[in-house]
């Protein structure tokens, strides 16, 4: 009878220890899921702040970020990058007119090609890059 009590006590101890460990594990998982995503830095040096690149982007960078979506495949009649014949036709009116068309939008092209964070100079650089005028 003593052996049976000892066996039951040992089994109960093992089960209780496993239940306690499982509860701790669940609490840790919950803490991980609900922890804050970030911290607000107010009035102090924020060492991890990301600094944006200074200066205008190159024509190639603007093309890769915005213009390439249409000008790589010639979507809706857009002159393809490097297609000098198609670009000569547009540049016949002058680079300034082509630039204004790109800024204001023309035909299927929306203003600035939907690159609303592009400066006018970056748009000009992209035109020069795509037309081979760079």
N, C-alpha and C. Protein backbone atom coordinates (compact mmCIF):
# COMPACT_ATOMS: atom_id res chain seq x y z
N UNK A 1 0.81 -1.19 0.00
CA UNK A 1 0.00 0.00 0.00
C UNK A 1 0.87 1.26 0.00
N UNK A 2 1.97 1.23 0.77
CA UNK A 2 2.89 2.36 0.80
C UNK A 2 3.50 2.60 -0.57
N UNK A 3 3.79 1.52 -1.26
CA UNK A 3 4.39 1.66 -2.58
C UNK A 3 3.40 2.29 -3.57
N UNK A 4 2.14 1.94 -3.45
CA UNK A 4 1.11 2.49 -4.32
C UNK A 4 0.95 3.99 -4.07
N UNK A 5 0.95 4.41 -2.80
CA UNK A 5 0.86 5.82 -2.45
C UNK A 5 2.06 6.59 -3.01
N UNK A 6 3.25 5.99 -2.88
CA UNK A 6 4.47 6.64 -3.38
C UNK A 6 4.42 6.77 -4.90
N UNK A 7 3.91 5.74 -5.58
CA UNK A 7 3.80 5.78 -7.03
C UNK A 7 2.79 6.85 -7.47
N UNK A 8 1.65 6.94 -6.79
CA UNK A 8 0.64 7.95 -7.12
C UNK A 8 1.20 9.34 -6.86
N UNK A 9 1.91 9.52 -5.74
CA UNK A 9 2.50 10.81 -5.41
C UNK A 9 3.55 11.21 -6.46
N UNK A 10 4.36 10.28 -6.91
CA UNK A 10 5.37 10.56 -7.93
C UNK A 10 4.71 10.95 -9.25
N UNK A 11 3.66 10.23 -9.64
CA UNK A 11 2.96 10.53 -10.88
C UNK A 11 2.30 11.91 -10.80
N UNK A 12 1.69 12.22 -9.67
CA UNK A 12 1.05 13.53 -9.48
C UNK A 12 2.09 14.65 -9.54
N UNK A 13 3.26 14.41 -8.98
CA UNK A 13 4.33 15.41 -9.00
C UNK A 13 4.79 15.67 -10.43
N UNK A 14 4.95 14.62 -11.21
CA UNK A 14 5.38 14.76 -12.60
C UNK A 14 4.32 15.53 -13.40
N UNK A 15 3.06 15.19 -13.22
CA UNK A 15 1.97 15.86 -13.95
C UNK A 15 1.90 17.33 -13.56
N UNK A 16 2.02 17.63 -12.27
CA UNK A 16 1.96 19.02 -11.80
C UNK A 16 3.13 19.83 -12.36
N UNK A 17 4.32 19.23 -12.40
CA UNK A 17 5.50 19.93 -12.93
C UNK A 17 5.32 20.24 -14.41
N UNK A 18 4.76 19.29 -15.17
CA UNK A 18 4.53 19.52 -16.59
C UNK A 18 3.48 20.60 -16.82
N UNK A 19 2.43 20.61 -16.01
CA UNK A 19 1.38 21.63 -16.14
C UNK A 19 1.94 23.01 -15.82
N UNK A 20 2.78 23.09 -14.79
CA UNK A 20 3.39 24.37 -14.41
C UNK A 20 4.31 24.88 -15.54
N UNK A 21 5.10 23.98 -16.12
CA UNK A 21 6.01 24.37 -17.21
C UNK A 21 5.21 24.81 -18.44
N UNK A 22 4.11 24.13 -18.73
CA UNK A 22 3.29 24.50 -19.88
C UNK A 22 2.66 25.87 -19.66
N UNK A 23 2.24 26.17 -18.44
CA UNK A 23 1.64 27.48 -18.15
C UNK A 23 2.68 28.58 -18.33
N UNK A 24 3.91 28.36 -17.86
CA UNK A 24 4.97 29.35 -18.05
C UNK A 24 5.26 29.57 -19.53
N UNK A 25 5.29 28.48 -20.29
CA UNK A 25 5.56 28.57 -21.71
C UNK A 25 4.46 29.37 -22.42
N UNK A 26 3.21 29.13 -22.07
CA UNK A 26 2.09 29.87 -22.66
C UNK A 26 2.18 31.35 -22.31
N UNK A 27 2.49 31.66 -21.06
CA UNK A 27 2.61 33.06 -20.65
C UNK A 27 3.73 33.76 -21.43
N UNK A 28 4.84 33.06 -21.64
CA UNK A 28 5.94 33.64 -22.41
C UNK A 28 5.50 33.91 -23.86
N UNK A 29 4.76 32.99 -24.44
CA UNK A 29 4.28 33.17 -25.81
C UNK A 29 3.31 34.36 -25.89
N UNK A 30 2.45 34.49 -24.89
CA UNK A 30 1.51 35.62 -24.88
C UNK A 30 2.25 36.93 -24.73
N UNK A 31 3.22 36.98 -23.81
CA UNK A 31 4.03 38.20 -23.63
C UNK A 31 4.72 38.59 -24.93
N UNK A 32 5.24 37.61 -25.65
CA UNK A 32 5.93 37.88 -26.92
C UNK A 32 4.96 38.45 -27.96
N UNK A 33 3.74 37.92 -28.00
CA UNK A 33 2.76 38.39 -28.99
C UNK A 33 2.24 39.79 -28.70
N UNK A 34 2.15 40.16 -27.43
CA UNK A 34 1.54 41.46 -27.11
C UNK A 34 2.55 42.53 -26.73
N UNK A 35 3.83 42.24 -26.87
CA UNK A 35 4.83 43.25 -26.52
C UNK A 35 4.75 44.42 -27.51
N UNK A 36 5.16 45.61 -27.09
CA UNK A 36 5.13 46.77 -27.98
C UNK A 36 6.01 46.54 -29.21
N UNK A 37 5.56 47.08 -30.33
CA UNK A 37 6.29 46.93 -31.58
C UNK A 37 7.51 47.83 -31.61
N UNK A 38 7.39 49.01 -31.06
CA UNK A 38 8.50 49.97 -31.07
C UNK A 38 8.38 50.92 -29.91
N UNK A 39 9.23 51.90 -29.90
CA UNK A 39 9.22 52.90 -28.85
C UNK A 39 9.23 54.28 -29.49
N UNK A 40 8.62 55.22 -28.79
CA UNK A 40 8.61 56.60 -29.25
C UNK A 40 9.78 57.32 -28.59
N UNK A 41 10.53 58.03 -29.39
CA UNK A 41 11.68 58.78 -28.89
C UNK A 41 11.30 60.25 -28.89
N UNK A 42 11.20 60.84 -27.70
CA UNK A 42 10.80 62.23 -27.58
C UNK A 42 11.84 62.99 -26.76
N UNK A 43 12.36 64.05 -27.31
CA UNK A 43 13.24 64.94 -26.57
C UNK A 43 14.61 64.38 -26.24
N UNK A 44 15.03 63.36 -26.91
CA UNK A 44 16.34 62.78 -26.64
C UNK A 44 16.98 62.37 -27.96
N UNK A 45 18.25 62.10 -27.91
CA UNK A 45 18.96 61.60 -29.10
C UNK A 45 18.42 60.21 -29.42
N UNK A 46 17.93 60.03 -30.61
CA UNK A 46 17.38 58.75 -31.04
C UNK A 46 18.42 58.06 -31.91
N UNK A 47 19.24 57.27 -31.33
CA UNK A 47 20.38 56.67 -32.01
C UNK A 47 20.04 55.85 -33.23
N UNK A 48 18.88 55.23 -33.29
CA UNK A 48 18.56 54.34 -34.39
C UNK A 48 17.79 54.99 -35.52
N UNK A 49 17.70 56.30 -35.53
CA UNK A 49 16.91 56.98 -36.57
C UNK A 49 17.56 56.79 -37.94
N UNK A 50 16.74 56.49 -38.93
CA UNK A 50 17.22 56.30 -40.29
C UNK A 50 17.27 57.66 -40.99
N UNK A 51 18.36 57.92 -41.65
CA UNK A 51 18.53 59.17 -42.37
C UNK A 51 18.30 58.92 -43.85
N UNK A 52 17.43 59.69 -44.44
CA UNK A 52 17.15 59.55 -45.88
C UNK A 52 18.33 60.07 -46.68
N UNK A 53 18.50 59.50 -47.85
CA UNK A 53 19.59 59.93 -48.72
C UNK A 53 19.39 61.39 -49.11
N UNK A 54 20.46 62.12 -49.09
CA UNK A 54 20.39 63.54 -49.45
C UNK A 54 20.58 63.70 -50.95
N UNK A 55 19.99 64.75 -51.47
CA UNK A 55 20.19 65.06 -52.88
C UNK A 55 19.22 64.33 -53.77
N UNK A 56 19.13 64.76 -55.01
CA UNK A 56 18.20 64.14 -55.96
C UNK A 56 18.66 62.75 -56.39
N UNK A 57 17.69 61.94 -56.77
CA UNK A 57 18.00 60.60 -57.29
C UNK A 57 18.42 60.72 -58.75
N UNK A 58 19.17 59.75 -59.20
CA UNK A 58 19.60 59.75 -60.60
C UNK A 58 18.42 59.33 -61.48
N UNK A 59 18.57 59.57 -62.77
CA UNK A 59 17.54 59.15 -63.72
C UNK A 59 17.31 57.65 -63.67
N UNK A 60 18.38 56.90 -63.52
CA UNK A 60 18.26 55.44 -63.45
C UNK A 60 17.51 55.01 -62.20
N UNK A 61 17.77 55.68 -61.07
CA UNK A 61 17.07 55.35 -59.82
C UNK A 61 15.57 55.66 -59.93
N UNK A 62 15.23 56.80 -60.51
CA UNK A 62 13.82 57.17 -60.68
C UNK A 62 13.15 56.19 -61.64
N UNK A 63 13.84 55.85 -62.72
CA UNK A 63 13.30 54.88 -63.68
C UNK A 63 13.01 53.56 -62.98
N UNK A 64 13.96 53.08 -62.18
CA UNK A 64 13.77 51.81 -61.49
C UNK A 64 12.65 51.85 -60.47
N UNK A 65 12.46 53.00 -59.83
CA UNK A 65 11.46 53.11 -58.78
C UNK A 65 10.05 53.37 -59.32
N UNK A 66 9.95 54.09 -60.43
CA UNK A 66 8.61 54.50 -60.88
C UNK A 66 8.37 54.27 -62.36
N UNK A 67 9.25 54.72 -63.20
CA UNK A 67 9.00 54.76 -64.64
C UNK A 67 9.00 53.39 -65.30
N UNK A 68 9.81 52.49 -64.78
CA UNK A 68 9.98 51.18 -65.40
C UNK A 68 8.71 50.37 -65.50
N UNK A 69 7.74 50.64 -64.62
CA UNK A 69 6.50 49.87 -64.65
C UNK A 69 5.82 49.96 -66.02
N UNK A 70 5.87 51.12 -66.64
CA UNK A 70 5.25 51.28 -67.96
C UNK A 70 6.27 51.33 -69.10
N UNK A 71 7.40 51.97 -68.85
CA UNK A 71 8.36 52.22 -69.93
C UNK A 71 9.26 51.03 -70.24
N UNK A 72 9.22 49.97 -69.44
CA UNK A 72 9.99 48.77 -69.77
C UNK A 72 9.30 48.00 -70.89
N UNK A 73 7.97 47.88 -70.79
CA UNK A 73 7.22 47.09 -71.76
C UNK A 73 6.48 47.94 -72.79
N UNK A 74 6.51 49.26 -72.62
CA UNK A 74 5.79 50.13 -73.56
C UNK A 74 4.29 50.10 -73.34
N UNK A 75 3.87 50.02 -72.10
CA UNK A 75 2.45 49.94 -71.75
C UNK A 75 1.69 51.16 -72.28
N UNK A 76 0.57 50.93 -72.93
CA UNK A 76 -0.31 51.98 -73.47
C UNK A 76 0.43 53.00 -74.32
N UNK A 77 1.40 52.53 -75.08
CA UNK A 77 2.12 53.41 -76.00
C UNK A 77 3.26 54.20 -75.38
N UNK A 78 3.63 53.89 -74.16
CA UNK A 78 4.76 54.58 -73.52
C UNK A 78 6.04 54.23 -74.27
N UNK A 79 6.88 55.21 -74.57
CA UNK A 79 8.14 54.89 -75.26
C UNK A 79 9.03 54.05 -74.35
N UNK A 80 9.56 52.98 -74.90
CA UNK A 80 10.39 52.07 -74.11
C UNK A 80 11.74 52.70 -73.80
N UNK A 81 12.29 52.27 -72.69
CA UNK A 81 13.62 52.71 -72.28
C UNK A 81 14.63 52.32 -73.35
N UNK A 82 15.36 53.29 -73.86
CA UNK A 82 16.40 53.02 -74.85
C UNK A 82 15.91 52.95 -76.29
N UNK A 83 14.61 53.07 -76.53
CA UNK A 83 14.06 53.06 -77.89
C UNK A 83 14.23 54.46 -78.48
N UNK A 84 15.38 54.70 -79.10
CA UNK A 84 15.72 56.05 -79.56
C UNK A 84 14.72 56.60 -80.58
N UNK A 85 14.19 55.75 -81.44
CA UNK A 85 13.24 56.22 -82.45
C UNK A 85 11.97 56.77 -81.78
N UNK A 86 11.46 56.04 -80.81
CA UNK A 86 10.24 56.49 -80.12
C UNK A 86 10.51 57.76 -79.32
N UNK A 87 11.69 57.86 -78.73
CA UNK A 87 12.02 59.05 -77.95
C UNK A 87 12.30 60.25 -78.84
N UNK A 88 12.90 60.03 -80.01
CA UNK A 88 13.16 61.15 -80.94
C UNK A 88 11.86 61.82 -81.35
N UNK A 89 10.83 61.01 -81.56
CA UNK A 89 9.52 61.54 -81.93
C UNK A 89 8.99 62.48 -80.84
N UNK A 90 9.15 62.10 -79.60
CA UNK A 90 8.67 62.93 -78.49
C UNK A 90 9.57 64.14 -78.24
N UNK A 91 10.87 63.94 -78.44
CA UNK A 91 11.82 65.03 -78.19
C UNK A 91 11.88 66.03 -79.34
N UNK A 92 11.17 65.75 -80.44
CA UNK A 92 11.16 66.68 -81.58
C UNK A 92 10.58 68.04 -81.17
N UNK A 93 9.70 68.03 -80.17
CA UNK A 93 9.11 69.27 -79.67
C UNK A 93 10.02 69.95 -78.65
N UNK A 94 11.13 69.32 -78.35
CA UNK A 94 12.07 69.87 -77.38
C UNK A 94 11.99 69.14 -76.04
N UNK A 95 13.12 69.10 -75.36
CA UNK A 95 13.19 68.41 -74.07
C UNK A 95 12.29 69.08 -73.05
N UNK A 96 12.18 70.43 -73.12
CA UNK A 96 11.34 71.14 -72.16
C UNK A 96 9.87 70.77 -72.30
N UNK A 97 9.39 70.62 -73.53
CA UNK A 97 7.99 70.24 -73.74
C UNK A 97 7.76 68.81 -73.26
N UNK A 98 8.70 67.92 -73.54
CA UNK A 98 8.58 66.54 -73.09
C UNK A 98 8.56 66.49 -71.57
N UNK A 99 9.40 67.30 -70.96
CA UNK A 99 9.48 67.38 -69.50
C UNK A 99 8.15 67.88 -68.92
N UNK A 100 7.58 68.92 -69.51
CA UNK A 100 6.30 69.45 -69.03
C UNK A 100 5.18 68.42 -69.21
N UNK A 101 5.22 67.68 -70.32
CA UNK A 101 4.23 66.63 -70.53
C UNK A 101 4.34 65.56 -69.45
N UNK A 102 5.56 65.22 -69.08
CA UNK A 102 5.76 64.21 -68.04
C UNK A 102 5.28 64.72 -66.68
N UNK A 103 5.54 65.98 -66.40
CA UNK A 103 5.13 66.56 -65.11
C UNK A 103 3.61 66.68 -65.03
N UNK A 104 2.98 67.14 -66.08
CA UNK A 104 1.54 67.39 -66.08
C UNK A 104 0.70 66.19 -66.50
N UNK A 105 1.33 65.22 -67.13
CA UNK A 105 0.62 64.06 -67.65
C UNK A 105 0.18 64.31 -69.08
N UNK A 106 0.15 63.25 -69.87
CA UNK A 106 -0.26 63.35 -71.27
C UNK A 106 -0.79 61.99 -71.70
N UNK A 107 -1.88 62.01 -72.45
CA UNK A 107 -2.52 60.78 -72.92
C UNK A 107 -2.76 59.83 -71.75
N UNK A 108 -2.18 58.64 -71.79
CA UNK A 108 -2.39 57.65 -70.72
C UNK A 108 -1.48 57.86 -69.53
N UNK A 109 -0.49 58.73 -69.67
CA UNK A 109 0.48 58.92 -68.59
C UNK A 109 -0.08 59.90 -67.55
N UNK A 110 -0.17 59.45 -66.29
CA UNK A 110 -0.62 60.36 -65.24
C UNK A 110 0.47 61.38 -64.91
N UNK A 111 0.12 62.47 -64.24
CA UNK A 111 1.14 63.45 -63.86
C UNK A 111 2.29 62.79 -63.10
N UNK A 112 3.49 63.14 -63.52
CA UNK A 112 4.73 62.60 -62.94
C UNK A 112 4.78 61.08 -62.97
N UNK A 113 3.98 60.48 -63.81
CA UNK A 113 3.98 59.01 -63.88
C UNK A 113 3.62 58.38 -62.55
N UNK A 114 2.82 59.10 -61.76
CA UNK A 114 2.42 58.69 -60.40
C UNK A 114 3.59 58.67 -59.42
N UNK A 115 4.70 59.26 -59.75
CA UNK A 115 5.83 59.36 -58.82
C UNK A 115 5.70 60.70 -58.09
N UNK A 116 4.80 60.75 -57.13
CA UNK A 116 4.51 62.01 -56.46
C UNK A 116 5.63 62.48 -55.54
N UNK A 117 6.57 61.60 -55.23
CA UNK A 117 7.71 62.04 -54.41
C UNK A 117 8.92 62.38 -55.28
N UNK A 118 8.74 62.42 -56.59
CA UNK A 118 9.82 62.81 -57.50
C UNK A 118 9.80 64.33 -57.70
N UNK A 119 10.97 64.92 -57.64
CA UNK A 119 11.07 66.35 -57.95
C UNK A 119 11.01 66.53 -59.47
N UNK A 120 10.79 67.76 -59.89
CA UNK A 120 10.77 68.04 -61.33
C UNK A 120 12.13 67.72 -61.96
N UNK A 121 13.21 68.00 -61.23
CA UNK A 121 14.55 67.69 -61.75
C UNK A 121 14.76 66.19 -61.88
N UNK A 122 14.20 65.41 -60.96
CA UNK A 122 14.32 63.96 -61.05
C UNK A 122 13.54 63.42 -62.24
N UNK A 123 12.39 64.03 -62.53
CA UNK A 123 11.62 63.63 -63.72
C UNK A 123 12.44 63.90 -64.98
N UNK A 124 13.08 65.06 -65.03
CA UNK A 124 13.93 65.40 -66.18
C UNK A 124 15.08 64.40 -66.31
N UNK A 125 15.69 64.05 -65.18
CA UNK A 125 16.79 63.07 -65.21
C UNK A 125 16.31 61.72 -65.73
N UNK A 126 15.09 61.33 -65.35
CA UNK A 126 14.54 60.05 -65.82
C UNK A 126 14.29 60.09 -67.33
N UNK A 127 13.79 61.22 -67.82
CA UNK A 127 13.56 61.36 -69.28
C UNK A 127 14.89 61.25 -70.01
N UNK A 128 15.90 61.93 -69.52
CA UNK A 128 17.22 61.87 -70.16
C UNK A 128 17.78 60.46 -70.12
N UNK A 129 17.57 59.76 -69.01
CA UNK A 129 18.06 58.38 -68.90
C UNK A 129 17.35 57.47 -69.91
N UNK A 130 16.03 57.54 -69.96
CA UNK A 130 15.27 56.65 -70.84
C UNK A 130 15.50 56.95 -72.32
N UNK A 131 15.71 58.23 -72.64
CA UNK A 131 15.87 58.61 -74.05
C UNK A 131 17.31 58.51 -74.52
N UNK A 132 18.22 58.22 -73.62
CA UNK A 132 19.63 58.12 -73.99
C UNK A 132 20.31 59.48 -74.09
N UNK A 133 19.68 60.53 -73.57
CA UNK A 133 20.24 61.88 -73.60
C UNK A 133 21.20 62.13 -72.44
N UNK A 134 21.30 61.20 -71.55
CA UNK A 134 22.13 61.36 -70.35
C UNK A 134 23.60 61.28 -70.65
